[in-house]
Amino acid sequence: MIFKKLDYNDKGEIREMSEFAGGIFYRYYLPQLPEGQPDYMRSRFLSETAIEEKISPDHEPSVNFEFVKDEDEKNVGFVCYWIQKSEDGPDECYLDKYYVHEDFRGKGYGNVIMDHLKIFCQENNLFRIKLNVNKYNKTLEIYKKLGFEILRAEVNDIGNGYVMDDYVMVKGIDLTS
């Protein structure tokens, strides 16, 4: 498995990520969200401009936005994460995006991505991974199987009359192994 971090100076790569990530996101969320919200969220979070802004050298915190590729360098999925100040202790890894293309689901790639994040946490002395997941997202059970627990529920206004009705989930990281 290959993790290929996006290069801020490679506009073609950013375009490729926007198309790839946006396609996965749109197909997955279209049936789950109110009409118009998937288009709005894709534009706001996965457009070329949004990705470019997120991976800008000037962006704080520094963001890892990566293609996940198989041995043949086919795009399997993508992941986006960074080091975030914890609200109740030491720094943590915030997992913003974690997607596997539908053609590759159920083949263990999600576990490999989690292993990649665990190494990142160990290298940076981060005690846990935190994420937000839609309360009605079918991957909620997958996150639980991966060791995530619900910390709290929250509703976040994302603009244009839309909200994200989420659970905040956390997974502790063993920094000794």
Protein backbone atom coordinates (compact mmCIF):
# COMPACT_ATOMS: atom_id res chain seq x y z
CA MET A 1 0.00 0.00 0.00
CA ILE A 2 1.27 3.45 -0.95
CA PHE A 3 0.31 6.70 0.79
CA LYS A 4 0.96 9.64 -1.56
CA LYS A 5 0.75 13.04 0.14
CA LEU A 6 -0.62 15.78 -2.09
CA ASP A 7 1.90 18.32 -3.32
CA TYR A 8 0.65 21.89 -3.03
CA ASN A 9 2.56 22.81 -6.20
CA ASP A 10 1.09 19.98 -8.31
CA LYS A 11 -2.22 21.38 -9.59
CA GLY A 12 -2.83 18.27 -11.69
CA GLU A 13 -2.59 16.08 -8.62
CA ILE A 14 -4.96 18.38 -6.71
CA ARG A 15 -7.43 18.21 -9.62
CA GLU A 16 -7.14 14.41 -9.66
CA MET A 17 -7.84 14.25 -5.92
CA SER A 18 -10.81 16.58 -6.22
CA GLU A 19 -12.36 14.42 -8.95
CA PHE A 20 -11.56 11.11 -7.25
CA ALA A 21 -12.54 12.19 -3.72
CA GLY A 22 -15.59 14.11 -4.88
CA GLY A 23 -16.83 11.09 -6.81
CA ILE A 24 -16.53 8.78 -3.79
CA PHE A 25 -18.13 11.35 -1.50
CA TYR A 26 -21.00 12.12 -3.85
CA ARG A 27 -21.92 8.48 -4.54
CA TYR A 28 -21.77 7.65 -0.85
CA TYR A 29 -23.64 10.62 0.61
CA LEU A 30 -26.23 11.37 -2.08
CA PRO A 31 -28.82 8.99 -0.58
CA GLN A 32 -28.08 10.01 3.04
CA LEU A 33 -28.28 13.79 3.02
CA PRO A 34 -30.99 16.32 2.17
CA GLU A 35 -31.25 17.41 -1.45
CA GLY A 36 -28.50 19.87 -2.34
CA GLN A 37 -26.29 19.17 0.69
CA PRO A 38 -23.95 16.65 -1.02
CA ASP A 39 -23.28 19.15 -3.82
CA TYR A 40 -22.70 21.94 -1.32
CA MET A 41 -20.36 19.84 0.84
CA ARG A 42 -18.43 18.51 -2.15
CA SER A 43 -17.90 22.06 -3.38
CA ARG A 44 -16.96 23.37 0.07
CA PHE A 45 -14.67 20.55 1.20
CA LEU A 46 -13.44 18.65 -1.88
CA SER A 47 -13.21 21.20 -4.68
CA GLU A 48 -9.76 21.97 -6.07
CA THR A 49 -9.85 25.32 -4.29
CA ALA A 50 -10.83 23.78 -0.94
CA ILE A 51 -8.13 21.11 -1.16
CA GLU A 52 -5.51 23.61 -2.25
CA GLU A 53 -6.38 25.87 0.69
CA LYS A 54 -6.22 22.94 3.14
CA ILE A 55 -2.76 21.78 2.00
CA SER A 56 -1.31 25.27 1.62
CA PRO A 57 2.05 25.69 3.38
CA ASP A 58 0.43 28.64 5.18
CA HIS A 59 -2.47 26.57 6.55
CA GLU A 60 -2.48 25.93 10.29
CA PRO A 61 -2.42 23.21 11.30
CA SER A 62 -0.33 21.43 8.68
CA VAL A 63 -2.59 18.97 6.85
CA ASN A 64 -1.77 15.53 5.46
CA PHE A 65 -4.07 14.90 2.47
CA GLU A 66 -3.09 11.61 0.87
CA PHE A 67 -4.05 9.28 -1.94
CA VAL A 68 -4.15 5.65 -0.83
CA LYS A 69 -2.87 3.49 -3.70
CA ASP A 70 -2.50 -0.24 -4.21
CA GLU A 71 0.67 -1.97 -5.42
CA ASP A 72 -0.26 -1.12 -9.05
CA GLU A 73 -0.63 2.55 -8.01
CA LYS A 74 -4.41 2.51 -8.56
CA ASN A 75 -6.29 4.92 -6.33
CA VAL A 76 -7.94 2.86 -3.59
CA GLY A 77 -9.05 5.74 -1.39
CA PHE A 78 -7.93 8.89 0.35
CA VAL A 79 -7.31 10.18 3.83
CA CYS A 80 -6.93 13.63 5.37
CA TYR A 81 -5.64 14.22 8.91
CA TRP A 82 -3.60 16.54 11.09
CA ILE A 83 -2.29 17.15 14.58
CA GLN A 84 -4.91 18.94 16.64
CA LYS A 85 -4.77 20.42 20.11
CA SER A 86 -6.95 18.26 22.34
CA GLU A 87 -9.80 19.77 24.25
CA ASP A 88 -9.00 17.68 27.33
CA GLY A 89 -5.31 16.87 27.32
CA PRO A 90 -2.38 16.23 24.98
CA ASP A 91 -2.43 16.72 21.23
CA GLU A 92 -4.36 14.22 19.10
CA CYS A 93 -4.76 13.17 15.48
CA TYR A 94 -7.89 14.59 13.87
CA LEU A 95 -9.12 12.33 11.06
CA ASP A 96 -11.04 14.60 8.72
CA LYS A 97 -11.51 12.27 5.75
CA TYR A 98 -11.20 8.49 5.51
CA TYR A 99 -12.65 6.95 2.37
CA VAL A 100 -12.15 3.76 0.40
CA HIS A 101 -13.49 3.54 -3.17
CA GLU A 102 -16.46 1.15 -3.44
CA ASP A 103 -14.48 -1.21 -5.71
CA PHE A 104 -11.95 -1.80 -2.91
CA ARG A 105 -14.19 -2.00 0.17
CA GLY A 106 -14.17 -5.16 2.25
CA LYS A 107 -10.59 -6.05 1.27
CA GLY A 108 -8.75 -4.84 4.37
CA TYR A 109 -7.63 -1.45 3.03
CA GLY A 110 -9.42 0.37 5.86
CA ASN A 111 -7.32 -1.52 8.41
CA VAL A 112 -4.13 -0.64 6.54
CA ILE A 113 -5.13 3.03 6.62
CA MET A 114 -5.74 2.76 10.38
CA ASP A 115 -2.29 1.19 10.81
CA HIS A 116 -0.81 4.13 8.85
CA LEU A 117 -2.57 6.57 11.20
CA LYS A 118 -1.41 4.65 14.26
CA ILE A 119 2.22 4.99 13.10
CA PHE A 120 1.66 8.73 12.54
CA CYS A 121 0.30 8.98 16.09
CA GLN A 122 3.21 7.06 17.56
CA GLU A 123 5.76 9.16 15.68
CA ASN A 124 4.12 12.35 16.92
CA ASN A 125 3.24 11.15 20.46
CA LEU A 126 -0.50 11.55 19.84
CA PHE A 127 -2.62 9.64 22.34
CA ARG A 128 -5.76 9.25 20.24
CA ILE A 129 -7.49 9.68 16.91
CA LYS A 130 -10.65 11.77 16.85
CA LEU A 131 -13.21 12.12 14.06
CA ASN A 132 -16.73 13.26 13.33
CA VAL A 133 -19.18 10.90 11.66
CA ASN A 134 -22.76 11.50 10.59
CA LYS A 135 -25.13 9.87 13.09
CA TYR A 136 -26.88 8.00 10.27
CA ASN A 137 -23.74 6.95 8.39
CA LYS A 138 -23.56 3.20 7.87
CA THR A 139 -19.80 3.32 8.56
CA LEU A 140 -20.55 4.07 12.21
CA GLU A 141 -20.43 0.32 12.91
CA ILE A 142 -17.13 0.01 11.03
CA TYR A 143 -15.61 2.72 13.22
CA LYS A 144 -16.81 0.84 16.31
CA LYS A 145 -15.17 -2.37 15.02
CA LEU A 146 -11.96 -0.40 14.51
CA GLY A 147 -12.02 0.54 18.21
CA PHE A 148 -13.64 3.98 18.09
CA GLU A 149 -16.06 5.00 20.83
CA ILE A 150 -18.65 7.77 20.82
CA LEU A 151 -17.46 10.72 22.88
CA ARG A 152 -20.49 12.96 22.28
CA ALA A 153 -23.10 14.08 19.77
CA GLU A 154 -22.93 17.50 18.14
CA VAL A 155 -24.61 19.49 15.40
CA ASN A 156 -22.40 21.82 13.36
CA ASP A 157 -23.68 24.55 11.06
CA ILE A 158 -21.75 24.28 7.78
CA GLY A 159 -23.49 27.18 6.06
CA ASN A 160 -26.11 27.57 3.36
CA GLY A 161 -28.78 26.28 5.78
CA TYR A 162 -27.09 22.87 6.20
CA VAL A 163 -25.85 21.16 9.32
CA MET A 164 -23.72 18.14 10.07
CA ASP A 165 -25.51 16.00 12.67
CA ASP A 166 -22.56 14.00 13.98
CA TYR A 167 -21.06 11.84 16.63
CA VAL A 168 -17.57 12.73 17.76
CA MET A 169 -15.68 9.46 18.08
CA VAL A 170 -12.27 8.67 19.55
CA LYS A 171 -9.84 5.77 19.46
CA GLY A 172 -7.01 5.53 21.95
CA ILE A 173 -3.52 4.82 20.61
CA ASP A 174 -1.00 2.65 22.40
CA LEU A 175 2.19 4.68 22.12
CA THR A 176 4.37 1.82 23.36
CA SER A 177 3.81 -0.76 20.60
